[in-house]
Amino acid sequence: MIPKIIHLCWLSNDDYPPKIKKCLKSWKKYLPDYEIMLWDTKRFNLDESIWVKQAFDKKKYAFAADYIRFYALYNYGGIYLDSDVEVLKSFNDLLHFPYFMGAEKAGTIEAAILGAEKGTVWIKTCLNYYTNKTFIKKDSSLDIRKLPEIMVEEIQKLKPIHYLDASEMKNIKNMDFRKEILVMPDEYFSPKVFDSREVLITPNTYAIHHYQNSWFSHKAKIYYRTRTIMIRVFGYNFIRKIERIILPQRFK
């Protein structure tokens, strides 16, 4: 059974921004009897992982958290939430599963919301990916590969990933979570569309990942904010067509 522990990673000395405070308030509202385990530099030894140490030194805290979430879940069990996750209802009816996670709207795994029992094997597999791995590459560039891609790649080495649809969710209590890795539909944990920022909440939605994207460069933040506005004005499909023309390398 998954313990009532929420893992929060916050490595900077900065105060929580207003949007983050709002999200954390929702945790206390809907999960009042859950322990919130804060992973900061007092709890986590940065020298535990060269990946974490280098990401921390570069102030790329989101990438340091990529390792820490797996470390926390494997050693303690519980639920990891990114700080920009807003909770909409209790996770209590998910705790009897050995683990839970959902898909993103883009079709891959939503890494911002993960629940697991202590010692879960696929969590260890993801944790092992970072063994002796450096965040700073030999050419001095940073390894900013997205975590969902890494998770899919590593988990598939262990077991097949099964993305559940709405009809399969009706029978989830009778499914074998050990035979393959089960991923719930995006409506459960990822109802927000990254590009348009539209939120598609259903009665099945437990939480919303708001995509604060703290790891983005200043240029990337300006690009995506402008892109979001353009999508709202001209529509998603039109903007994608324009991008394919002016940014062909991105779509290869």
C-alpha atoms as a PDB file:
ATOM      1  CA  MET A   1       0.000   0.000   0.000  1.00  0.00           C
ATOM      2  CA  ILE A   2       1.217   3.495  -0.832  1.00  0.00           C
ATOM      3  CA  PRO A   3       1.893   5.501   2.356  1.00  0.00           C
ATOM      4  CA  LYS A   4       0.334   8.920   2.955  1.00  0.00           C
ATOM      5  CA  ILE A   5       3.511  10.867   2.229  1.00  0.00           C
ATOM      6  CA  ILE A   6       3.766  13.748  -0.252  1.00  0.00           C
ATOM      7  CA  HIS A   7       7.292  14.424  -1.501  1.00  0.00           C
ATOM      8  CA  LEU A   8       8.035  18.059  -2.382  1.00  0.00           C
ATOM      9  CA  CYS A   9      11.388  19.093  -3.841  1.00  0.00           C
ATOM     10  CA  TRP A  10      12.412  22.738  -3.324  1.00  0.00           C
ATOM     11  CA  LEU A  11      16.161  23.279  -3.495  1.00  0.00           C
ATOM     12  CA  SER A  12      16.441  27.034  -3.934  1.00  0.00           C
ATOM     13  CA  ASN A  13      16.407  29.508  -1.076  1.00  0.00           C
ATOM     14  CA  ASP A  14      13.722  31.547  -2.832  1.00  0.00           C
ATOM     15  CA  ASP A  15      10.278  31.969  -1.317  1.00  0.00           C
ATOM     16  CA  TYR A  16       7.430  30.102  -2.971  1.00  0.00           C
ATOM     17  CA  PRO A  17       5.870  32.253  -5.741  1.00  0.00           C
ATOM     18  CA  PRO A  18       2.133  33.016  -5.376  1.00  0.00           C
ATOM     19  CA  LYS A  19       1.126  30.351  -7.929  1.00  0.00           C
ATOM     20  CA  ILE A  20       3.125  27.712  -6.066  1.00  0.00           C
ATOM     21  CA  LYS A  21       1.621  28.786  -2.743  1.00  0.00           C
ATOM     22  CA  LYS A  22      -1.829  28.304  -4.259  1.00  0.00           C
ATOM     23  CA  CYS A  23      -0.920  24.775  -5.330  1.00  0.00           C
ATOM     24  CA  LEU A  24       0.525  23.883  -1.915  1.00  0.00           C
ATOM     25  CA  LYS A  25      -2.614  25.208  -0.262  1.00  0.00           C
ATOM     26  CA  SER A  26      -4.655  22.734  -2.325  1.00  0.00           C
ATOM     27  CA  TRP A  27      -2.504  19.885  -0.996  1.00  0.00           C
ATOM     28  CA  LYS A  28      -3.378  20.780   2.578  1.00  0.00           C
ATOM     29  CA  LYS A  29      -7.037  21.218   1.677  1.00  0.00           C
ATOM     30  CA  TYR A  30      -7.574  17.832   0.015  1.00  0.00           C
ATOM     31  CA  LEU A  31      -4.794  15.819   1.692  1.00  0.00           C
ATOM     32  CA  PRO A  32      -4.936  17.092   5.300  1.00  0.00           C
ATOM     33  CA  ASP A  33      -3.727  13.853   6.873  1.00  0.00           C
ATOM     34  CA  TYR A  34      -0.761  13.348   4.512  1.00  0.00           C
ATOM     35  CA  GLU A  35       2.779  14.040   5.677  1.00  0.00           C
ATOM     36  CA  ILE A  36       4.570  16.534   3.424  1.00  0.00           C
ATOM     37  CA  MET A  37       8.236  15.576   3.205  1.00  0.00           C
ATOM     38  CA  LEU A  38      10.244  18.555   1.966  1.00  0.00           C
ATOM     39  CA  TRP A  39      13.362  17.678   0.010  1.00  0.00           C
ATOM     40  CA  ASP A  40      15.756  20.602   0.347  1.00  0.00           C
ATOM     41  CA  THR A  41      19.524  20.811   0.851  1.00  0.00           C
ATOM     42  CA  LYS A  42      19.067  19.983   4.530  1.00  0.00           C
ATOM     43  CA  ARG A  43      17.314  16.694   3.846  1.00  0.00           C
ATOM     44  CA  PHE A  44      19.157  15.635   0.707  1.00  0.00           C
ATOM     45  CA  ASN A  45      22.946  15.411   0.555  1.00  0.00           C
ATOM     46  CA  LEU A  46      23.906  16.966  -2.772  1.00  0.00           C
ATOM     47  CA  ASP A  47      27.017  14.821  -2.921  1.00  0.00           C
ATOM     48  CA  GLU A  48      24.763  11.761  -3.098  1.00  0.00           C
ATOM     49  CA  SER A  49      24.579  12.248  -6.876  1.00  0.00           C
ATOM     50  CA  ILE A  50      26.914  14.059  -9.280  1.00  0.00           C
ATOM     51  CA  TRP A  51      23.840  14.735 -11.456  1.00  0.00           C
ATOM     52  CA  VAL A  52      22.061  16.531  -8.623  1.00  0.00           C
ATOM     53  CA  LYS A  53      25.180  18.426  -7.547  1.00  0.00           C
ATOM     54  CA  GLN A  54      25.890  19.754 -11.041  1.00  0.00           C
ATOM     55  CA  ALA A  55      22.249  20.637 -11.721  1.00  0.00           C
ATOM     56  CA  PHE A  56      22.068  22.423  -8.361  1.00  0.00           C
ATOM     57  CA  ASP A  57      25.276  24.374  -8.998  1.00  0.00           C
ATOM     58  CA  LYS A  58      23.839  25.490 -12.351  1.00  0.00           C
ATOM     59  CA  LYS A  59      20.590  26.445 -10.567  1.00  0.00           C
ATOM     60  CA  LYS A  60      18.661  24.021 -12.760  1.00  0.00           C
ATOM     61  CA  TYR A  61      16.685  22.760  -9.796  1.00  0.00           C
ATOM     62  CA  ALA A  62      14.014  21.009 -11.845  1.00  0.00           C
ATOM     63  CA  PHE A  63      16.637  18.622 -13.231  1.00  0.00           C
ATOM     64  CA  ALA A  64      18.023  17.939  -9.776  1.00  0.00           C
ATOM     65  CA  ALA A  65      14.457  17.062  -8.775  1.00  0.00           C
ATOM     66  CA  ASP A  66      14.337  14.471 -11.582  1.00  0.00           C
ATOM     67  CA  TYR A  67      16.698  12.300  -9.538  1.00  0.00           C
ATOM     68  CA  ILE A  68      15.366  13.208  -6.102  1.00  0.00           C
ATOM     69  CA  ARG A  69      11.771  12.175  -6.910  1.00  0.00           C
ATOM     70  CA  PHE A  70      12.891   8.618  -7.651  1.00  0.00           C
ATOM     71  CA  TYR A  71      15.226   8.559  -4.647  1.00  0.00           C
ATOM     72  CA  ALA A  72      12.389   9.658  -2.359  1.00  0.00           C
ATOM     73  CA  LEU A  73       9.804   7.273  -3.780  1.00  0.00           C
ATOM     74  CA  TYR A  74      12.107   4.259  -3.793  1.00  0.00           C
ATOM     75  CA  ASN A  75      13.354   4.762  -0.242  1.00  0.00           C
ATOM     76  CA  TYR A  76      10.157   5.976   1.428  1.00  0.00           C
ATOM     77  CA  GLY A  77       7.219   5.306  -0.863  1.00  0.00           C
ATOM     78  CA  GLY A  78       4.418   7.843  -1.178  1.00  0.00           C
ATOM     79  CA  ILE A  79       3.437  10.396  -3.789  1.00  0.00           C
ATOM     80  CA  TYR A  80       5.758  12.813  -5.546  1.00  0.00           C
ATOM     81  CA  LEU A  81       4.224  16.092  -6.720  1.00  0.00           C
ATOM     82  CA  ASP A  82       5.894  18.911  -8.610  1.00  0.00           C
ATOM     83  CA  SER A  83       5.382  22.176  -6.745  1.00  0.00           C
ATOM     84  CA  ASP A  84       3.170  23.465  -9.580  1.00  0.00           C
ATOM     85  CA  VAL A  85       0.620  20.663  -9.193  1.00  0.00           C
ATOM     86  CA  GLU A  86      -2.822  21.690  -7.974  1.00  0.00           C
ATOM     87  CA  VAL A  87      -4.737  18.923  -6.213  1.00  0.00           C
ATOM     88  CA  LEU A  88      -8.498  18.713  -6.852  1.00  0.00           C
ATOM     89  CA  LYS A  89      -9.449  15.710  -4.712  1.00  0.00           C
ATOM     90  CA  SER A  90      -7.968  13.147  -2.338  1.00  0.00           C
ATOM     91  CA  PHE A  91      -5.658  10.384  -3.564  1.00  0.00           C
ATOM     92  CA  ASN A  92      -6.996   7.973  -0.931  1.00  0.00           C
ATOM     93  CA  ASP A  93      -8.727   5.632  -3.369  1.00  0.00           C
ATOM     94  CA  LEU A  94      -5.423   5.163  -5.248  1.00  0.00           C
ATOM     95  CA  LEU A  95      -3.325   4.145  -2.263  1.00  0.00           C
ATOM     96  CA  HIS A  96      -4.199   0.434  -2.459  1.00  0.00           C
ATOM     97  CA  PHE A  97      -2.452   0.180  -5.837  1.00  0.00           C
ATOM     98  CA  PRO A  98       1.289  -0.675  -5.824  1.00  0.00           C
ATOM     99  CA  TYR A  99       1.868   2.469  -7.894  1.00  0.00           C
ATOM    100  CA  PHE A 100      -0.008   4.970 -10.048  1.00  0.00           C
ATOM    101  CA  MET A 101       0.816   7.445 -12.788  1.00  0.00           C
ATOM    102  CA  GLY A 102      -0.904   9.013 -15.750  1.00  0.00           C
ATOM    103  CA  ALA A 103      -0.291  10.090 -19.308  1.00  0.00           C
ATOM    104  CA  GLU A 104       0.320  13.627 -20.546  1.00  0.00           C
ATOM    105  CA  LYS A 105      -1.823  15.181 -23.243  1.00  0.00           C
ATOM    106  CA  ALA A 106       1.173  14.728 -25.536  1.00  0.00           C
ATOM    107  CA  GLY A 107       0.849  10.967 -25.085  1.00  0.00           C
ATOM    108  CA  THR A 108       3.853  10.210 -22.884  1.00  0.00           C
ATOM    109  CA  ILE A 109       4.114   9.834 -19.088  1.00  0.00           C
ATOM    110  CA  GLU A 110       3.222  12.704 -16.731  1.00  0.00           C
ATOM    111  CA  ALA A 111       6.305  12.809 -14.494  1.00  0.00           C
ATOM    112  CA  ALA A 112       4.985  15.547 -12.179  1.00  0.00           C
ATOM    113  CA  ILE A 113       2.614  13.195 -10.311  1.00  0.00           C
ATOM    114  CA  LEU A 114       3.871   9.757  -9.322  1.00  0.00           C
ATOM    115  CA  GLY A 115       2.717   7.398  -6.581  1.00  0.00           C
ATOM    116  CA  ALA A 116       4.486   4.206  -5.514  1.00  0.00           C
ATOM    117  CA  GLU A 117       5.122   1.790  -2.691  1.00  0.00           C
ATOM    118  CA  LYS A 118       8.555   1.769  -1.104  1.00  0.00           C
ATOM    119  CA  GLY A 119      10.995  -0.346  -3.111  1.00  0.00           C
ATOM    120  CA  THR A 120       9.011  -0.322  -6.369  1.00  0.00           C
ATOM    121  CA  VAL A 121      11.198  -1.947  -9.035  1.00  0.00           C
ATOM    122  CA  TRP A 122      10.468   0.400 -11.950  1.00  0.00           C
ATOM    123  CA  ILE A 123      11.219   3.392  -9.718  1.00  0.00           C
ATOM    124  CA  LYS A 124      14.629   1.839  -9.018  1.00  0.00           C
ATOM    125  CA  THR A 125      15.142   1.343 -12.747  1.00  0.00           C
ATOM    126  CA  CYS A 126      14.571   5.073 -13.346  1.00  0.00           C
ATOM    127  CA  LEU A 127      16.815   5.943 -10.405  1.00  0.00           C
ATOM    128  CA  ASN A 128      19.614   3.781 -11.800  1.00  0.00           C
ATOM    129  CA  TYR A 129      19.591   5.819 -15.012  1.00  0.00           C
ATOM    130  CA  TYR A 130      21.333   8.599 -13.085  1.00  0.00           C
ATOM    131  CA  THR A 131      24.087   6.435 -11.608  1.00  0.00           C
ATOM    132  CA  ASN A 132      27.377   8.247 -12.288  1.00  0.00           C
ATOM    133  CA  LYS A 133      25.569  10.358 -14.908  1.00  0.00           C
ATOM    134  CA  THR A 134      26.665  13.969 -15.263  1.00  0.00           C
ATOM    135  CA  PHE A 135      24.352  16.901 -15.940  1.00  0.00           C
ATOM    136  CA  ILE A 136      27.189  18.800 -17.607  1.00  0.00           C
ATOM    137  CA  LYS A 137      28.234  17.074 -20.811  1.00  0.00           C
ATOM    138  CA  LYS A 138      31.799  16.754 -22.097  1.00  0.00           C
ATOM    139  CA  ASP A 139      31.208  19.654 -24.493  1.00  0.00           C
ATOM    140  CA  SER A 140      30.076  21.791 -21.495  1.00  0.00           C
ATOM    141  CA  SER A 141      26.441  21.833 -22.622  1.00  0.00           C
ATOM    142  CA  LEU A 142      23.718  20.759 -20.207  1.00  0.00           C
ATOM    143  CA  ASP A 143      21.766  17.514 -20.428  1.00  0.00           C
ATOM    144  CA  ILE A 144      18.223  18.920 -20.468  1.00  0.00           C
ATOM    145  CA  ARG A 145      16.514  15.895 -21.922  1.00  0.00           C
ATOM    146  CA  LYS A 146      12.904  15.733 -20.716  1.00  0.00           C
ATOM    147  CA  LEU A 147      12.131  13.286 -17.920  1.00  0.00           C
ATOM    148  CA  PRO A 148       9.031  11.656 -19.531  1.00  0.00           C
ATOM    149  CA  GLU A 149      11.213  10.512 -22.441  1.00  0.00           C
ATOM    150  CA  ILE A 150      13.759   9.050 -20.037  1.00  0.00           C
ATOM    151  CA  MET A 151      11.083   7.268 -18.027  1.00  0.00           C
ATOM    152  CA  VAL A 152       9.515   5.637 -21.071  1.00  0.00           C
ATOM    153  CA  GLU A 153      12.911   4.500 -22.336  1.00  0.00           C
ATOM    154  CA  GLU A 154      14.041   3.056 -18.992  1.00  0.00           C
ATOM    155  CA  ILE A 155      10.755   1.435 -17.978  1.00  0.00           C
ATOM    156  CA  GLN A 156      10.414  -0.317 -21.328  1.00  0.00           C
ATOM    157  CA  LYS A 157      13.727  -2.067 -20.651  1.00  0.00           C
ATOM    158  CA  LEU A 158      12.022  -3.661 -17.667  1.00  0.00           C
ATOM    159  CA  LYS A 159       8.400  -4.203 -18.704  1.00  0.00           C
ATOM    160  CA  PRO A 160       5.978  -3.102 -21.441  1.00  0.00           C
ATOM    161  CA  ILE A 161       4.032   0.106 -20.818  1.00  0.00           C
ATOM    162  CA  HIS A 162       0.262  -0.117 -21.194  1.00  0.00           C
ATOM    163  CA  TYR A 163      -1.572   3.185 -21.672  1.00  0.00           C
ATOM    164  CA  LEU A 164      -5.080   2.548 -20.380  1.00  0.00           C
ATOM    165  CA  ASP A 165      -8.186   3.940 -22.054  1.00  0.00           C
ATOM    166  CA  ALA A 166     -11.448   4.948 -20.382  1.00  0.00           C
ATOM    167  CA  SER A 167     -13.069   1.531 -20.830  1.00  0.00           C
ATOM    168  CA  GLU A 168     -10.091  -0.274 -19.293  1.00  0.00           C
ATOM    169  CA  MET A 169     -10.130   2.011 -16.261  1.00  0.00           C
ATOM    170  CA  LYS A 170     -13.475   0.490 -15.260  1.00  0.00           C
ATOM    171  CA  ASN A 171     -11.665  -2.789 -14.611  1.00  0.00           C
ATOM    172  CA  ILE A 172      -8.396  -1.417 -13.231  1.00  0.00           C
ATOM    173  CA  LYS A 173      -8.884  -2.977  -9.783  1.00  0.00           C
ATOM    174  CA  ASN A 174      -8.647  -6.427 -11.375  1.00  0.00           C
ATOM    175  CA  MET A 175      -5.576  -5.688 -13.479  1.00  0.00           C
ATOM    176  CA  ASP A 176      -2.084  -7.058 -12.850  1.00  0.00           C
ATOM    177  CA  PHE A 177       0.145  -4.086 -12.038  1.00  0.00           C
ATOM    178  CA  ARG A 178       3.232  -6.333 -11.964  1.00  0.00           C
ATOM    179  CA  LYS A 179       2.933  -7.888 -15.432  1.00  0.00           C
ATOM    180  CA  GLU A 180       3.148  -4.542 -17.243  1.00  0.00           C
ATOM    181  CA  ILE A 181       3.374  -0.899 -16.254  1.00  0.00           C
ATOM    182  CA  LEU A 182      -0.096   0.651 -16.310  1.00  0.00           C
ATOM    183  CA  VAL A 183      -0.544   4.329 -17.157  1.00  0.00           C
ATOM    184  CA  MET A 184      -3.882   6.027 -16.523  1.00  0.00           C
ATOM    185  CA  PRO A 185      -5.495   8.345 -19.123  1.00  0.00           C
ATOM    186  CA  ASP A 186      -4.393  11.994 -19.217  1.00  0.00           C
ATOM    187  CA  GLU A 187      -7.671  13.243 -17.707  1.00  0.00           C
ATOM    188  CA  TYR A 188      -6.616  11.804 -14.318  1.00  0.00           C
ATOM    189  CA  PHE A 189      -3.435  13.827 -13.685  1.00  0.00           C
ATOM    190  CA  SER A 190      -2.726  15.951 -16.754  1.00  0.00           C
ATOM    191  CA  PRO A 191      -5.892  17.728 -17.941  1.00  0.00           C
ATOM    192  CA  LYS A 192      -4.028  20.873 -18.974  1.00  0.00           C
ATOM    193  CA  VAL A 193      -2.980  21.245 -22.614  1.00  0.00           C
ATOM    194  CA  PHE A 194       0.623  22.494 -22.657  1.00  0.00           C
ATOM    195  CA  ASP A 195       0.326  24.569 -25.825  1.00  0.00           C
ATOM    196  CA  SER A 196      -3.067  26.245 -25.430  1.00  0.00           C
ATOM    197  CA  ARG A 197      -3.179  26.155 -21.597  1.00  0.00           C
ATOM    198  CA  GLU A 198      -6.756  24.916 -21.864  1.00  0.00           C
ATOM    199  CA  VAL A 199      -7.804  22.790 -18.868  1.00  0.00           C
ATOM    200  CA  LEU A 200     -10.132  19.860 -19.587  1.00  0.00           C
ATOM    201  CA  ILE A 201     -11.277  18.686 -16.156  1.00  0.00           C
ATOM    202  CA  THR A 202     -13.533  15.640 -15.786  1.00  0.00           C
ATOM    203  CA  PRO A 203     -14.976  13.869 -12.722  1.00  0.00           C
ATOM    204  CA  ASN A 204     -11.904  11.588 -12.906  1.00  0.00           C
ATOM    205  CA  THR A 205      -9.381  14.407 -12.526  1.00  0.00           C
ATOM    206  CA  TYR A 206      -7.284  14.262  -9.355  1.00  0.00           C
ATOM    207  CA  ALA A 207      -4.833  17.062 -10.065  1.00  0.00           C
ATOM    208  CA  ILE A 208      -3.605  19.630 -12.585  1.00  0.00           C
ATOM    209  CA  HIS A 209       0.021  20.077 -13.577  1.00  0.00           C
ATOM    210  CA  HIS A 210       0.296  23.787 -14.387  1.00  0.00           C
ATOM    211  CA  TYR A 211       3.614  23.610 -16.267  1.00  0.00           C
ATOM    212  CA  GLN A 212       5.501  26.478 -14.637  1.00  0.00           C
ATOM    213  CA  ASN A 213       8.579  25.296 -16.613  1.00  0.00           C
ATOM    214  CA  SER A 214      11.114  26.766 -14.202  1.00  0.00           C
ATOM    215  CA  TRP A 215      13.917  25.072 -16.150  1.00  0.00           C
ATOM    216  CA  PHE A 216      13.202  27.034 -19.354  1.00  0.00           C
ATOM    217  CA  SER A 217      15.714  29.646 -20.464  1.00  0.00           C
ATOM    218  CA  HIS A 218      14.526  33.263 -20.595  1.00  0.00           C
ATOM    219  CA  LYS A 219      14.334  33.051 -24.385  1.00  0.00           C
ATOM    220  CA  ALA A 220      12.304  29.830 -24.225  1.00  0.00           C
ATOM    221  CA  LYS A 221       9.850  31.354 -21.746  1.00  0.00           C
ATOM    222  CA  ILE A 222       9.262  34.344 -24.048  1.00  0.00           C
ATOM    223  CA  TYR A 223       8.815  32.029 -27.026  1.00  0.00           C
ATOM    224  CA  TYR A 224       6.247  29.776 -25.342  1.00  0.00           C
ATOM    225  CA  ARG A 225       4.323  32.666 -23.775  1.00  0.00           C
ATOM    226  CA  THR A 226       4.054  34.316 -27.178  1.00  0.00           C
ATOM    227  CA  ARG A 227       3.146  30.983 -28.745  1.00  0.00           C
ATOM    228  CA  THR A 228       0.348  30.446 -26.226  1.00  0.00           C
ATOM    229  CA  ILE A 229      -1.151  33.853 -27.064  1.00  0.00           C
ATOM    230  CA  MET A 230      -0.913  33.147 -30.798  1.00  0.00           C
ATOM    231  CA  ILE A 231      -2.630  29.771 -30.360  1.00  0.00           C
ATOM    232  CA  ARG A 232      -5.506  31.429 -28.512  1.00  0.00           C
ATOM    233  CA  VAL A 233      -5.892  33.964 -31.330  1.00  0.00           C
ATOM    234  CA  PHE A 234      -5.286  31.843 -34.443  1.00  0.00           C
ATOM    235  CA  GLY A 235      -5.810  28.268 -33.229  1.00  0.00           C
ATOM    236  CA  TYR A 236      -3.435  25.405 -32.469  1.00  0.00           C
ATOM    237  CA  ASN A 237      -3.412  23.762 -35.933  1.00  0.00           C
ATOM    238  CA  PHE A 238      -2.615  27.021 -37.732  1.00  0.00           C
ATOM    239  CA  ILE A 239       0.345  27.800 -35.439  1.00  0.00           C
ATOM    240  CA  ARG A 240       1.710  24.268 -35.843  1.00  0.00           C
ATOM    241  CA  LYS A 241       1.640  24.685 -39.640  1.00  0.00           C
ATOM    242  CA  ILE A 242       3.567  27.961 -39.365  1.00  0.00           C
ATOM    243  CA  GLU A 243       6.129  26.361 -37.052  1.00  0.00           C
ATOM    244  CA  ARG A 244       6.707  23.542 -39.482  1.00  0.00           C
ATOM    245  CA  ILE A 245       7.623  26.129 -42.114  1.00  0.00           C
ATOM    246  CA  ILE A 246       9.831  28.438 -40.040  1.00  0.00           C
ATOM    247  CA  LEU A 247      11.251  25.796 -37.642  1.00  0.00           C
ATOM    248  CA  PRO A 248      11.723  22.700 -39.829  1.00  0.00           C
ATOM    249  CA  GLN A 249      14.543  21.286 -37.666  1.00  0.00           C
ATOM    250  CA  ARG A 250      12.225  21.033 -34.666  1.00  0.00           C
ATOM    251  CA  PHE A 251       9.830  18.729 -36.528  1.00  0.00           C
ATOM    252  CA  LYS A 252      12.353  16.355 -38.075  1.00  0.00           C
END
